[in-house]
Every structure is written in C-alpha cells, then in structure tokens.
Amino acid sequence: MSRDPGPAVRLRVDPVACEGVGLCAQVADRSVTLDRWGYPVLAAELEPGAATRQARRAVRACPRKALWLESAVPDR
C-alpha cells in the first residue's frame, strides 16, 4: 500500500524579512542551502516526503517568519 505524498509544494522566502539567521538550512538541508552571506537559497520544488516535512519545520523555526509554503501547481 503506497502512501500519497500530498500536493507538490514550494518553499518561499521574503528577502526583506529574512535576516540570514540560517535556522532554515539547519532543519531543512534537503531544501535550503545558504549563500556566502548566510541567506537562504531554496530548492525550486520540494521532493515529496522528508524534504517537505523538513520545509514545514523550517517555516516554524524561522524567527522572522520570512518563510512559507505554497502550492507548486499553478492555479488553473
């Protein structure tokens, strides 16, 4: 029995709100890397499963609330 990974999502960042703390990369290393200044570089689309769970933790961990998840499937 396979488990449905759910809808495709994308992690987004508000570059104005982000202060480059780096917690997102610590909790979501499959989805977020840091540039040389410590600001997040996000994966274009998240892999279902573990990467999406990590991204949700990153959203909750961000002290500036600069991260959010949105649907990777465009509205029709």
Protein backbone atom coordinates (compact mmCIF):
# COMPACT_ATOMS: atom_id res chain seq x y z
CA MET A 1 0.00 0.00 0.00
CA SER A 2 1.63 3.26 -1.09
CA ARG A 3 1.15 6.48 0.78
CA ASP A 4 0.11 9.61 -1.14
CA PRO A 5 2.84 12.22 -0.58
CA GLY A 6 0.29 15.02 -0.97
CA PRO A 7 0.33 18.02 -3.28
CA ALA A 8 3.60 19.43 -4.58
CA VAL A 9 4.72 22.46 -2.62
CA ARG A 10 7.40 25.10 -2.95
CA LEU A 11 9.24 26.83 -0.12
CA ARG A 12 9.30 30.61 -0.49
CA VAL A 13 11.21 33.37 1.32
CA ASP A 14 10.55 37.06 1.86
CA PRO A 15 14.00 38.57 1.17
CA VAL A 16 13.12 41.78 3.02
CA ALA A 17 12.04 39.99 6.21
CA CYS A 18 14.89 37.44 6.16
CA GLU A 19 17.87 38.37 8.34
CA GLY A 20 20.07 35.42 7.34
CA VAL A 21 19.90 33.64 10.70
CA GLY A 22 20.29 30.27 8.94
CA LEU A 23 17.97 28.08 11.03
CA CYS A 24 16.11 27.10 7.86
CA ALA A 25 19.21 25.44 6.40
CA GLN A 26 19.87 23.62 9.67
CA VAL A 27 16.43 22.00 9.81
CA ALA A 28 15.79 21.64 6.05
CA ASP A 29 19.13 20.74 4.50
CA ARG A 30 17.39 18.93 1.61
CA SER A 31 15.58 22.11 0.58
CA VAL A 32 17.70 25.05 1.71
CA THR A 33 21.34 25.99 1.30
CA LEU A 34 22.91 29.28 2.35
CA ASP A 35 24.69 31.73 0.10
CA ARG A 36 28.02 33.25 1.14
CA TRP A 37 26.22 35.95 3.16
CA GLY A 38 24.10 33.41 5.06
CA TYR A 39 20.83 33.98 3.21
CA PRO A 40 18.73 31.03 2.03
CA VAL A 41 18.85 29.60 -1.47
CA LEU A 42 15.74 27.48 -1.93
CA ALA A 43 15.15 24.35 -3.98
CA ALA A 44 12.91 25.01 -6.99
CA GLU A 45 10.44 22.31 -5.92
CA LEU A 46 10.39 20.07 -2.88
CA GLU A 47 10.67 16.32 -3.09
CA PRO A 48 7.62 14.64 -1.55
CA GLY A 49 8.08 13.19 1.90
CA ALA A 50 11.08 14.04 4.05
CA ALA A 51 12.03 17.25 2.23
CA THR A 52 8.51 18.61 2.61
CA ARG A 53 8.45 17.72 6.32
CA GLN A 54 11.80 19.47 6.77
CA ALA A 55 10.49 22.54 4.94
CA ARG A 56 7.48 22.70 7.28
CA ARG A 57 9.88 22.63 10.25
CA ALA A 58 11.92 25.42 8.65
CA VAL A 59 8.80 27.58 8.30
CA ARG A 60 8.03 27.08 12.00
CA ALA A 61 11.67 27.68 13.04
CA CYS A 62 12.18 30.98 11.19
CA PRO A 63 12.42 33.73 13.85
CA ARG A 64 11.42 36.42 11.33
CA LYS A 65 8.55 34.40 9.78
CA ALA A 66 10.16 35.01 6.40
CA LEU A 67 9.39 31.52 5.04
CA TRP A 68 6.15 29.97 3.84
CA LEU A 69 4.95 27.08 1.70
CA GLU A 70 2.82 27.47 -1.41
CA SER A 71 1.41 25.10 -3.97
CA ALA A 72 3.87 24.23 -6.73
CA VAL A 73 0.95 23.53 -9.06
CA PRO A 74 -0.25 26.70 -10.81
CA ASP A 75 -3.92 27.63 -10.45
CA ARG A 76 -6.00 26.84 -13.48
